[in-house]
């Protein structure tokens, strides 16, 4: 029990620092995107996305899937962990160098393949950071395994800030897509140096083929799963890059990036902690399932209202954030946000559960099933024009992902979709209670920006009121705030009658996180 209590305390601390990290870095990253979108044309942003697609593909294989193994595997001793880290580092480094040489030799062919024959040199230079992946991925895994997200906070915030201070000035002086390439290279170098300097582990000249074989038995499936995730993430970029112009590619990728950044403030903070914590609980399925449902509920409390807000105020947000030249992207921006309210809460958390149980092949199966639905939808939507594409793709994302993951959870993993839906019923009900009437007012009465801003502020206050009024939501919110050390603030803020009620509910209905409450 003491180990479970310790894990609960470490999980809360890790989530706190992970959340702070993601809030800071995710505020800087979209700020960079917004500023660059104001400076650069959508077609230039589209070229940048093609380069990023190639570098992310190479990064995928340079990591070889070892990062998740180092987090998930139960090592017999610290010595075994360090040996596995050494094997992962040198294997990743060798693969990275090999990939870099391959990209340099085939850069022009790769450029033609992705749909722009002029960006071969840009692709080759952008891949110059591949060898740094060996250090960054292994060190990140060690920090996450130890739930040390405080150290990761400084590294990631510094990395995001470096991209901004390097890329924006270069864009202002006419650097075009080179501004982001140079900024990313500088950022990755900083990450590698910082994480290594702060870590207790340094790569040593040790290697074990036996250990490599044992690691690859797990990581092989993880690598295939990561490849399938890359395909689902970048299939739209590849299809649009070949079927439509760079202008629409810029609209698509910028919209997707901004939505992911906004929602990622929560998911990027909580998901690594979910995976690391559930990995420690894989031997206790009752506790595993209980913690999973609780984490899913905490995520939904923030993700669902954010996603619906992005949908309801999509036109206003696109015009304010990106400018009028991007307004054609508002439909896709809104519907992609709406789809995220379901996909992230139900599907992304399920994938973390599969990996935590040592079953990455289930996530691979889900990704491949989703691709079978998504790729035809992408081609159909792109061939019919961007307006049709903006509707078809988010719809296919919801139908494909949610159905597939529900089937796997119910039939294979032992996680009940019915329980998931039941536990989250009040979150969606509270959000829809606000989103539906506000959306009707905006869409059918064509109100101006000032009224929309007033409606947005009113919606925030109304949602907070719902959190305090609906017992199910209040319990989750108070539990979260108390676990993060804000109990005295909560009890002072609430009226005395409600404060006493909350204290009673908290003591009766919420135990330690280690109890799965």
Protein backbone atom coordinates (compact mmCIF):
# COMPACT_ATOMS: atom_id res chain seq x y z
CA UNK A 1 0.00 0.00 0.00
CA UNK A 2 2.85 2.38 0.80
CA UNK A 3 4.23 1.95 -2.70
CA UNK A 4 0.82 2.77 -4.15
CA UNK A 5 0.55 5.86 -1.96
CA UNK A 6 4.03 6.95 -3.02
CA UNK A 7 3.10 6.42 -6.65
CA UNK A 8 -0.05 8.48 -6.12
CA UNK A 9 1.93 11.38 -4.67
CA UNK A 10 4.55 11.17 -7.41
CA UNK A 11 1.83 10.98 -10.06
CA UNK A 12 0.18 14.15 -8.79
CA UNK A 13 3.54 15.94 -8.61
CA UNK A 14 4.46 14.74 -12.08
CA UNK A 15 1.10 15.84 -13.48
CA UNK A 16 1.53 19.27 -11.89
CA UNK A 17 4.94 19.86 -13.46
CA UNK A 18 3.90 18.26 -16.73
CA UNK A 19 0.90 20.58 -16.87
CA UNK A 20 3.04 23.63 -16.13
CA UNK A 21 5.47 22.51 -18.82
CA UNK A 22 2.80 22.07 -21.44
CA UNK A 23 0.99 25.29 -20.59
CA UNK A 24 4.23 27.24 -20.99
CA UNK A 25 5.53 25.45 -24.08
CA UNK A 26 2.10 25.24 -25.73
CA UNK A 27 1.64 28.97 -25.28
CA UNK A 28 4.98 29.65 -26.93
CA UNK A 29 4.57 27.17 -29.81
CA UNK A 30 1.22 28.48 -31.10
CA UNK A 31 2.51 32.01 -30.61
CA UNK A 32 5.34 31.12 -32.99
CA UNK A 33 2.84 29.64 -35.45
CA UNK A 34 0.59 32.70 -35.21
CA UNK A 35 3.42 35.18 -35.75
CA UNK A 36 4.82 33.20 -38.67
CA UNK A 37 1.32 32.91 -40.18
CA UNK A 38 1.09 36.71 -40.07
CA UNK A 39 4.50 37.10 -41.74
CA UNK A 40 4.51 34.22 -44.23
CA UNK A 41 2.00 33.26 -46.91
CA UNK A 42 -0.07 30.05 -46.49
CA UNK A 43 1.86 28.47 -49.38
CA UNK A 44 5.17 28.95 -47.51
CA UNK A 45 3.63 27.38 -44.39
CA UNK A 46 2.59 24.49 -46.63
CA UNK A 47 6.20 23.95 -47.74
CA UNK A 48 7.33 23.97 -44.11
CA UNK A 49 4.81 21.24 -43.33
CA UNK A 50 6.21 19.04 -46.12
CA UNK A 51 9.72 19.37 -44.67
CA UNK A 52 8.42 18.62 -41.18
CA UNK A 53 6.62 15.55 -42.50
CA UNK A 54 9.89 14.09 -43.79
CA UNK A 55 11.93 14.94 -40.68
CA UNK A 56 9.29 13.50 -38.36
CA UNK A 57 9.32 10.30 -40.41
CA UNK A 58 13.09 10.01 -40.07
CA UNK A 59 12.89 10.84 -36.33
CA UNK A 60 10.44 7.99 -35.96
CA UNK A 61 12.97 5.40 -37.07
CA UNK A 62 15.94 7.03 -35.39
CA UNK A 63 14.25 6.43 -32.02
CA UNK A 64 13.58 2.76 -32.97
CA UNK A 65 10.75 2.57 -30.42
CA UNK A 66 13.13 2.26 -27.46
CA UNK A 67 11.81 5.30 -25.59
CA UNK A 68 8.54 3.62 -24.62
CA UNK A 69 10.40 0.43 -23.68
CA UNK A 70 12.59 2.34 -21.22
CA UNK A 71 9.47 3.85 -19.62
CA UNK A 72 7.25 0.77 -19.59
CA UNK A 73 9.62 -2.12 -18.84
CA UNK A 74 10.10 -3.35 -15.26
CA UNK A 75 13.90 -3.61 -14.81
CA UNK A 76 15.42 -5.84 -12.15
CA UNK A 77 17.95 -3.22 -11.12
CA UNK A 78 19.31 0.24 -11.89
CA UNK A 79 22.26 -1.46 -13.62
CA UNK A 80 19.91 -3.18 -16.08
CA UNK A 81 18.17 0.12 -16.79
CA UNK A 82 21.47 1.84 -17.53
CA UNK A 83 22.57 -0.98 -19.85
CA UNK A 84 19.31 -0.74 -21.78
CA UNK A 85 19.74 3.04 -21.98
CA UNK A 86 23.25 2.60 -23.43
CA UNK A 87 22.01 0.09 -25.98
CA UNK A 88 19.14 2.40 -26.94
CA UNK A 89 21.45 5.40 -27.30
CA UNK A 90 24.06 3.77 -29.52
CA UNK A 91 21.46 1.99 -31.63
CA UNK A 92 19.54 5.22 -32.11
CA UNK A 93 22.72 7.11 -32.94
CA UNK A 94 23.80 4.60 -35.58
CA UNK A 95 20.35 4.55 -37.18
CA UNK A 96 20.21 8.37 -37.15
CA UNK A 97 23.54 8.73 -38.95
CA UNK A 98 22.49 6.13 -41.52
CA UNK A 99 19.18 7.88 -42.11
CA UNK A 100 20.86 11.27 -42.44
CA UNK A 101 23.24 9.95 -45.10
CA UNK A 102 20.29 8.37 -46.92
CA UNK A 103 18.32 11.61 -46.89
CA UNK A 104 21.30 13.61 -48.17
CA UNK A 105 21.80 11.20 -51.08
CA UNK A 106 18.10 10.93 -51.95
CA UNK A 107 16.97 14.45 -51.08
CA UNK A 108 15.81 15.38 -54.59
CA UNK A 109 13.88 12.14 -55.05
CA UNK A 110 12.21 12.62 -51.64
CA UNK A 111 11.26 16.19 -52.58
CA UNK A 112 9.53 14.97 -55.75
CA UNK A 113 7.80 12.22 -53.77
CA UNK A 114 6.21 14.66 -51.30
CA UNK A 115 5.08 16.97 -54.10
CA UNK A 116 7.63 19.84 -54.28
CA UNK A 117 10.83 19.26 -56.25
CA UNK A 118 12.44 22.50 -55.00
CA UNK A 119 12.83 21.58 -51.32
CA UNK A 120 15.45 18.82 -51.49
CA UNK A 121 18.21 20.89 -49.85
CA UNK A 122 15.81 22.09 -47.13
CA UNK A 123 14.88 18.50 -46.30
CA UNK A 124 18.54 17.44 -46.08
CA UNK A 125 19.51 20.31 -43.76
CA UNK A 126 16.43 19.89 -41.58
CA UNK A 127 17.36 16.25 -41.02
CA UNK A 128 20.73 17.40 -39.63
CA UNK A 129 19.21 17.17 -36.14
CA UNK A 130 18.57 13.42 -36.44
CA UNK A 131 21.69 12.34 -34.49
CA UNK A 132 20.53 14.55 -31.61
CA UNK A 133 17.44 12.33 -31.32
CA UNK A 134 19.58 9.59 -29.78
CA UNK A 135 20.34 11.71 -26.72
CA UNK A 136 16.99 13.50 -26.49
CA UNK A 137 14.78 10.40 -26.72
CA UNK A 138 16.72 8.30 -24.21
CA UNK A 139 17.10 11.11 -21.68
CA UNK A 140 13.42 12.02 -22.00
CA UNK A 141 12.44 8.41 -21.35
CA UNK A 142 14.57 8.26 -18.20
CA UNK A 143 13.03 11.48 -16.85
CA UNK A 144 9.49 10.33 -17.64
CA UNK A 145 10.08 6.92 -16.09
CA UNK A 146 11.13 8.63 -12.86
CA UNK A 147 8.13 11.00 -13.17
CA UNK A 148 10.64 13.87 -13.13
CA UNK A 149 8.67 16.34 -15.20
CA UNK A 150 10.17 19.32 -13.39
CA UNK A 151 13.46 18.93 -15.28
CA UNK A 152 11.57 18.43 -18.53
CA UNK A 153 9.76 21.70 -17.86
CA UNK A 154 12.89 23.83 -18.19
CA UNK A 155 14.15 21.96 -21.24
CA UNK A 156 10.92 22.07 -23.21
CA UNK A 157 10.08 25.67 -22.39
CA UNK A 158 13.61 26.72 -23.30
CA UNK A 159 13.40 24.73 -26.52
CA UNK A 160 10.08 26.29 -27.53
CA UNK A 161 11.35 29.79 -26.69
CA UNK A 162 14.49 29.26 -28.79
CA UNK A 163 12.41 28.39 -31.85
CA UNK A 164 10.49 31.63 -31.41
CA UNK A 165 13.47 33.95 -30.94
CA UNK A 166 15.33 32.36 -33.86
CA UNK A 167 12.54 31.68 -36.38
CA UNK A 168 10.59 34.95 -36.13
CA UNK A 169 13.51 37.35 -36.80
CA UNK A 170 14.64 35.19 -39.72
CA UNK A 171 11.11 35.26 -41.16
CA UNK A 172 11.00 39.06 -40.82
CA UNK A 173 14.16 39.45 -42.92
CA UNK A 174 12.82 37.17 -45.66
CA UNK A 175 14.02 33.76 -44.48
CA UNK A 176 10.83 32.01 -45.60
CA UNK A 177 10.61 28.35 -44.61
CA UNK A 178 14.31 28.39 -43.68
CA UNK A 179 13.40 30.38 -40.58
CA UNK A 180 11.58 27.43 -39.03
CA UNK A 181 14.23 24.93 -40.13
CA UNK A 182 17.05 26.88 -38.48
CA UNK A 183 14.97 27.51 -35.36
CA UNK A 184 14.21 23.80 -34.99
CA UNK A 185 17.87 22.83 -35.39
CA UNK A 186 18.94 25.26 -32.66
CA UNK A 187 16.12 24.05 -30.41
CA UNK A 188 17.01 20.36 -30.80
CA UNK A 189 20.67 21.07 -30.03
CA UNK A 190 19.63 22.87 -26.85
CA UNK A 191 17.43 19.94 -25.79
CA UNK A 192 20.22 17.40 -26.25
CA UNK A 193 22.76 19.46 -24.30
CA UNK A 194 20.41 20.48 -21.48
CA UNK A 195 18.92 17.05 -20.80
CA UNK A 196 22.32 15.37 -20.83
CA UNK A 197 23.90 17.98 -18.57
CA UNK A 198 21.13 17.62 -15.94
CA UNK A 199 20.89 13.83 -16.05
CA UNK A 200 22.57 11.27 -13.79
CA UNK A 201 22.89 8.97 -16.78
CA UNK A 202 25.56 9.48 -19.45
CA UNK A 203 26.04 7.15 -22.41
CA UNK A 204 28.94 4.78 -21.84
CA UNK A 205 30.72 2.52 -24.34
CA UNK A 206 28.71 -0.58 -23.52
CA UNK A 207 26.60 -2.69 -25.82
CA UNK A 208 24.75 -5.97 -25.63
CA UNK A 209 23.21 -7.82 -28.57
CA UNK A 210 21.26 -9.95 -26.12
CA UNK A 211 19.74 -6.84 -24.56
CA UNK A 212 19.06 -5.40 -28.03
CA UNK A 213 17.12 -8.50 -28.98
CA UNK A 214 15.08 -8.35 -25.77
CA UNK A 215 14.37 -4.65 -26.27
CA UNK A 216 13.40 -5.05 -29.89
CA UNK A 217 10.88 -7.79 -29.06
CA UNK A 218 8.86 -5.00 -27.44
CA UNK A 219 10.10 -2.01 -29.40
CA UNK A 220 9.51 -3.65 -32.76
CA UNK A 221 5.78 -3.48 -32.19
CA UNK A 222 6.10 0.00 -30.71
CA UNK A 223 8.01 1.15 -33.78
CA UNK A 224 5.32 -0.22 -36.07
CA UNK A 225 2.71 1.48 -33.91
CA UNK A 226 4.60 4.78 -34.08
CA UNK A 227 4.86 4.41 -37.84
CA UNK A 228 1.10 3.90 -38.08
CA UNK A 229 0.55 7.00 -35.90
CA UNK A 230 2.85 8.95 -38.21
CA UNK A 231 0.81 7.77 -41.19
CA UNK A 232 -2.47 8.87 -39.62
CA UNK A 233 -0.95 12.22 -38.58
CA UNK A 234 0.63 13.06 -41.92
CA UNK A 235 -1.62 11.30 -44.44
CA UNK A 236 -3.59 14.51 -44.93
CA UNK A 237 -0.41 16.50 -45.62
CA UNK A 238 0.77 13.95 -48.17
CA UNK A 239 -2.60 13.77 -49.96
CA UNK A 240 -3.13 17.54 -50.05
CA UNK A 241 0.47 18.08 -51.13
CA UNK A 242 -0.16 15.95 -54.21
CA UNK A 243 -3.82 16.70 -54.97
CA UNK A 244 -4.20 20.39 -54.04
CA UNK A 245 -1.99 23.47 -53.97
CA UNK A 246 0.44 24.58 -51.27
CA UNK A 247 -2.09 27.25 -50.25
CA UNK A 248 -4.63 24.65 -49.07
CA UNK A 249 -1.87 22.59 -47.54
CA UNK A 250 -0.98 25.64 -45.45
CA UNK A 251 -4.61 26.11 -44.39
CA UNK A 252 -4.90 22.47 -43.38
CA UNK A 253 -1.65 22.17 -41.43
CA UNK A 254 -1.88 25.51 -39.66
CA UNK A 255 -5.44 24.80 -38.52
CA UNK A 256 -4.51 21.32 -37.33
CA UNK A 257 -1.43 22.63 -35.53
CA UNK A 258 -3.31 25.38 -33.69
CA UNK A 259 -6.08 23.06 -32.53
CA UNK A 260 -3.59 20.45 -31.37
CA UNK A 261 -1.59 23.14 -29.55
CA UNK A 262 -4.66 24.49 -27.74
CA UNK A 263 -5.90 21.08 -26.65
CA UNK A 264 -2.37 19.76 -26.23
CA UNK A 265 -1.86 22.02 -23.22
CA UNK A 266 -3.87 19.43 -21.31
CA UNK A 267 -3.24 16.19 -23.20
CA UNK A 268 0.51 16.58 -23.59
CA UNK A 269 0.78 17.20 -19.86
CA UNK A 270 -1.42 14.33 -18.69
CA UNK A 271 -0.85 11.59 -21.28
CA UNK A 272 2.85 10.94 -20.48
CA UNK A 273 1.93 10.74 -16.81
CA UNK A 274 -0.95 8.37 -17.58
CA UNK A 275 1.39 6.08 -19.49
CA UNK A 276 4.16 6.15 -16.88
CA UNK A 277 1.74 5.66 -13.98
CA UNK A 278 -0.36 2.93 -15.62
CA UNK A 279 2.84 1.12 -16.59
CA UNK A 280 3.61 0.75 -12.88
CA UNK A 281 0.10 -0.63 -12.24
CA UNK A 282 -0.09 -3.21 -15.02
CA UNK A 283 0.03 -6.05 -12.48
CA UNK A 284 -3.13 -4.84 -10.71
CA UNK A 285 -5.94 -4.67 -13.24
CA UNK A 286 -8.61 -3.47 -10.81
CA UNK A 287 -6.49 -0.48 -9.80
CA UNK A 288 -5.29 -0.04 -13.39
CA UNK A 289 -8.86 0.28 -14.72
CA UNK A 290 -9.94 2.59 -11.91
CA UNK A 291 -7.01 4.98 -12.39
CA UNK A 292 -7.57 4.92 -16.16
CA UNK A 293 -11.23 5.99 -15.82
CA UNK A 294 -10.27 8.71 -13.34
CA UNK A 295 -7.52 10.11 -15.57
CA UNK A 296 -9.87 10.05 -18.55
CA UNK A 297 -12.41 12.06 -16.58
CA UNK A 298 -9.82 14.64 -15.53
CA UNK A 299 -8.74 15.09 -19.15
CA UNK A 300 -12.32 15.48 -20.37
CA UNK A 301 -13.07 18.17 -17.79
CA UNK A 302 -10.74 20.52 -19.70
CA UNK A 303 -10.46 19.09 -23.21
CA UNK A 304 -14.18 18.87 -23.99
CA UNK A 305 -15.09 22.53 -23.26
CA UNK A 306 -11.94 23.77 -25.01
CA UNK A 307 -12.72 21.72 -28.12
CA UNK A 308 -16.33 22.90 -28.25
CA UNK A 309 -15.27 26.51 -27.71
CA UNK A 310 -12.88 26.28 -30.66
CA UNK A 311 -15.75 24.97 -32.77
CA UNK A 312 -18.33 27.54 -31.69
CA UNK A 313 -15.99 30.54 -32.08
CA UNK A 314 -13.99 29.18 -35.04
CA UNK A 315 -14.61 32.11 -37.42
CA UNK A 316 -13.73 34.70 -34.80
CA UNK A 317 -10.63 32.83 -33.63
CA UNK A 318 -9.23 32.29 -37.14
CA UNK A 319 -9.67 35.95 -38.06
CA UNK A 320 -8.17 37.25 -34.81
CA UNK A 321 -5.30 34.77 -34.57
CA UNK A 322 -4.32 34.29 -38.21
CA UNK A 323 -5.93 37.11 -40.14
CA UNK A 324 -8.56 37.36 -42.85
CA UNK A 325 -6.37 35.58 -45.42
CA UNK A 326 -6.92 32.35 -43.45
CA UNK A 327 -10.75 32.54 -43.08
CA UNK A 328 -11.27 29.75 -45.60
CA UNK A 329 -9.81 27.39 -43.00
CA UNK A 330 -12.41 28.20 -40.31
CA UNK A 331 -14.79 25.34 -41.19
CA UNK A 332 -12.05 22.74 -40.96
CA UNK A 333 -10.64 24.44 -37.85
CA UNK A 334 -14.01 24.18 -36.09
CA UNK A 335 -14.97 20.66 -37.12
CA UNK A 336 -11.50 19.27 -36.40
CA UNK A 337 -11.78 20.80 -32.92
CA UNK A 338 -15.18 19.20 -32.41
CA UNK A 339 -13.86 15.80 -33.47
CA UNK A 340 -11.01 16.17 -30.98
CA UNK A 341 -13.50 16.33 -28.10
CA UNK A 342 -14.22 12.64 -28.75
CA UNK A 343 -11.02 11.29 -30.28
CA UNK A 344 -8.60 12.62 -27.65
CA UNK A 345 -10.71 11.71 -24.63
CA UNK A 346 -11.68 8.20 -25.70
CA UNK A 347 -9.04 7.09 -28.18
CA UNK A 348 -5.71 8.67 -27.25
CA UNK A 349 -6.11 7.62 -23.63
CA UNK A 350 -6.98 4.09 -24.75
CA UNK A 351 -3.76 3.91 -26.79
CA UNK A 352 -1.78 4.88 -23.69
CA UNK A 353 -3.50 2.05 -21.82
CA UNK A 354 -2.55 -0.48 -24.51
CA UNK A 355 1.10 0.54 -24.36
CA UNK A 356 1.11 0.57 -20.56
CA UNK A 357 -0.10 -3.04 -20.63
CA UNK A 358 2.75 -3.95 -22.98
CA UNK A 359 0.39 -4.39 -25.94
CA UNK A 360 1.42 -1.78 -28.52
CA UNK A 361 0.20 -4.10 -31.28
CA UNK A 362 -3.37 -3.21 -30.26
CA UNK A 363 -2.68 0.46 -30.95
CA UNK A 364 -1.07 -0.58 -34.24
CA UNK A 365 -4.21 -2.51 -35.18
CA UNK A 366 -6.37 0.51 -34.32
CA UNK A 367 -4.20 2.84 -36.40
CA UNK A 368 -4.25 0.51 -39.42
CA UNK A 369 -8.02 0.12 -39.18
CA UNK A 370 -8.37 3.88 -38.99
CA UNK A 371 -6.11 4.35 -42.04
CA UNK A 372 -8.35 2.04 -44.04
CA UNK A 373 -11.17 4.53 -43.43
CA UNK A 374 -9.16 7.75 -43.44
CA UNK A 375 -7.08 7.47 -46.63
CA UNK A 376 -10.08 7.05 -48.99
CA UNK A 377 -11.81 9.88 -47.14
CA UNK A 378 -8.79 12.14 -47.64
CA UNK A 379 -8.62 11.50 -51.37
CA UNK A 380 -12.38 11.87 -51.79
CA UNK A 381 -12.49 15.10 -49.82
CA UNK A 382 -9.45 16.62 -51.56
CA UNK A 383 -10.80 15.75 -55.00
CA UNK A 384 -14.13 17.46 -54.19
CA UNK A 385 -12.54 20.68 -52.92
CA UNK A 386 -11.44 22.07 -49.59
CA UNK A 387 -14.98 22.74 -48.33
CA UNK A 388 -15.95 19.08 -48.69
CA UNK A 389 -12.56 18.03 -47.32
CA UNK A 390 -13.20 20.17 -44.22
CA UNK A 391 -16.33 18.16 -43.40
CA UNK A 392 -15.41 14.65 -44.54
CA UNK A 393 -12.05 14.36 -42.77
CA UNK A 394 -13.15 15.27 -39.20
CA UNK A 395 -16.21 13.02 -39.60
CA UNK A 396 -14.08 10.07 -40.74
CA UNK A 397 -11.71 10.73 -37.85
CA UNK A 398 -14.50 10.38 -35.29
CA UNK A 399 -16.29 7.40 -36.84
CA UNK A 400 -13.12 5.46 -37.55
CA UNK A 401 -11.19 6.05 -34.35
CA UNK A 402 -13.97 5.90 -31.76
CA UNK A 403 -15.64 2.75 -33.10
CA UNK A 404 -12.35 0.88 -33.50
CA UNK A 405 -11.05 1.76 -30.04
CA UNK A 406 -14.35 0.94 -28.37
CA UNK A 407 -14.30 -2.52 -29.94
CA UNK A 408 -10.70 -3.15 -28.82
CA UNK A 409 -11.33 -1.85 -25.30
CA UNK A 410 -14.45 -3.98 -24.87
CA UNK A 411 -13.33 -7.20 -26.54
CA UNK A 412 -9.59 -7.34 -25.81
CA UNK A 413 -8.43 -5.03 -23.02
CA UNK A 414 -11.26 -5.22 -20.51
CA UNK A 415 -12.00 -1.49 -20.43
CA UNK A 416 -15.71 -0.79 -20.73
CA UNK A 417 -16.87 1.85 -23.24
CA UNK A 418 -20.17 1.98 -21.36
CA UNK A 419 -18.38 2.93 -18.14
CA UNK A 420 -16.33 5.54 -20.01
CA UNK A 421 -19.45 7.16 -21.45
CA UNK A 422 -21.30 6.98 -18.14
CA UNK A 423 -18.47 8.58 -16.17
CA UNK A 424 -18.15 11.41 -18.69
CA UNK A 425 -21.87 12.03 -19.20
CA UNK A 426 -22.01 15.21 -17.10
CA UNK A 427 -18.95 16.73 -18.78
CA UNK A 428 -20.53 16.49 -22.23
CA UNK A 429 -23.99 17.47 -20.94
CA UNK A 430 -22.64 20.59 -19.22
CA UNK A 431 -20.67 21.57 -22.33
CA UNK A 432 -23.56 21.02 -24.75
CA UNK A 433 -25.90 22.99 -22.49
CA UNK A 434 -23.73 26.04 -23.22
CA UNK A 435 -22.41 25.28 -26.72
CA UNK A 436 -25.73 24.64 -28.48
CA UNK A 437 -27.51 27.93 -27.71
CA UNK A 438 -24.34 30.02 -28.12
CA UNK A 439 -23.64 28.36 -31.47
CA UNK A 440 -27.21 29.05 -32.64
CA UNK A 441 -26.90 32.72 -31.72
CA UNK A 442 -23.58 33.09 -33.56
CA UNK A 443 -24.42 31.10 -36.68
CA UNK A 444 -27.99 32.27 -37.29
CA UNK A 445 -27.95 35.86 -36.04
CA UNK A 446 -24.55 36.78 -37.53
CA UNK A 447 -23.42 38.69 -34.43
CA UNK A 448 -20.27 40.79 -34.44
CA UNK A 449 -16.91 40.20 -32.79
CA UNK A 450 -17.72 42.22 -29.65
CA UNK A 451 -20.85 40.19 -28.89
CA UNK A 452 -19.02 36.94 -29.59
CA UNK A 453 -16.29 37.88 -27.12
CA UNK A 454 -18.96 38.72 -24.54
CA UNK A 455 -20.63 35.35 -25.21
CA UNK A 456 -17.28 33.59 -24.78
CA UNK A 457 -16.70 35.21 -21.39
CA UNK A 458 -20.24 34.42 -20.32
CA UNK A 459 -19.73 30.78 -21.40
CA UNK A 460 -16.61 30.50 -19.25
CA UNK A 461 -18.41 31.78 -16.16
CA UNK A 462 -21.41 29.56 -16.84
CA UNK A 463 -19.21 26.46 -17.20
CA UNK A 464 -17.46 27.27 -13.91
CA UNK A 465 -20.89 27.61 -12.30
CA UNK A 466 -21.84 24.19 -13.67
CA UNK A 467 -18.65 22.71 -12.27
CA UNK A 468 -19.60 24.00 -8.83
CA UNK A 469 -23.29 23.10 -9.05
CA UNK A 470 -23.21 19.57 -10.53
CA UNK A 471 -21.95 17.25 -7.82
CA UNK A 472 -20.19 14.82 -10.17
CA UNK A 473 -18.17 17.62 -11.78
CA UNK A 474 -17.60 19.40 -8.47
CA UNK A 475 -16.09 16.29 -6.92
CA UNK A 476 -13.65 15.88 -9.80
CA UNK A 477 -12.67 19.55 -9.80
CA UNK A 478 -12.19 19.75 -6.04
CA UNK A 479 -10.24 16.49 -5.97
CA UNK A 480 -7.97 17.84 -8.69
CA UNK A 481 -7.41 21.19 -6.96
CA UNK A 482 -6.83 19.64 -3.54
CA UNK A 483 -4.37 17.12 -4.95
CA UNK A 484 -2.50 20.01 -6.55
CA UNK A 485 -2.20 21.78 -3.22
CA UNK A 486 -5.01 24.34 -3.56
CA UNK A 487 -7.32 23.03 -0.82
CA UNK A 488 -7.18 26.18 1.35
CA UNK A 489 -7.84 28.36 -1.69
CA UNK A 490 -10.84 26.23 -2.68
CA UNK A 491 -12.42 26.31 0.76
CA UNK A 492 -11.87 30.08 1.16
CA UNK A 493 -13.25 30.81 -2.29
CA UNK A 494 -16.52 28.95 -1.85
CA UNK A 495 -19.41 30.20 0.29
CA UNK A 496 -19.40 28.63 3.76
CA UNK A 497 -22.40 26.35 3.13
CA UNK A 498 -20.99 25.03 -0.14
CA UNK A 499 -17.48 24.82 1.34
CA UNK A 500 -18.74 22.53 4.10
CA UNK A 501 -20.58 20.40 1.56
CA UNK A 502 -17.49 20.09 -0.60
CA UNK A 503 -15.33 19.08 2.37
CA UNK A 504 -17.85 16.39 3.27
CA UNK A 505 -18.03 15.10 -0.31
CA UNK A 506 -14.28 15.13 -0.67
CA UNK A 507 -13.73 13.11 2.51
CA UNK A 508 -16.47 10.63 1.64
CA UNK A 509 -16.08 10.20 -2.09
CA UNK A 510 -12.42 10.85 -2.87
CA UNK A 511 -9.55 8.90 -1.42
CA UNK A 512 -5.95 8.95 -2.47
CA UNK A 513 -5.20 8.65 -6.16
CA UNK A 514 -3.59 5.29 -5.39
CA UNK A 515 -7.05 4.01 -4.46
CA UNK A 516 -8.19 4.72 -7.99
CA UNK A 517 -10.71 7.33 -6.99
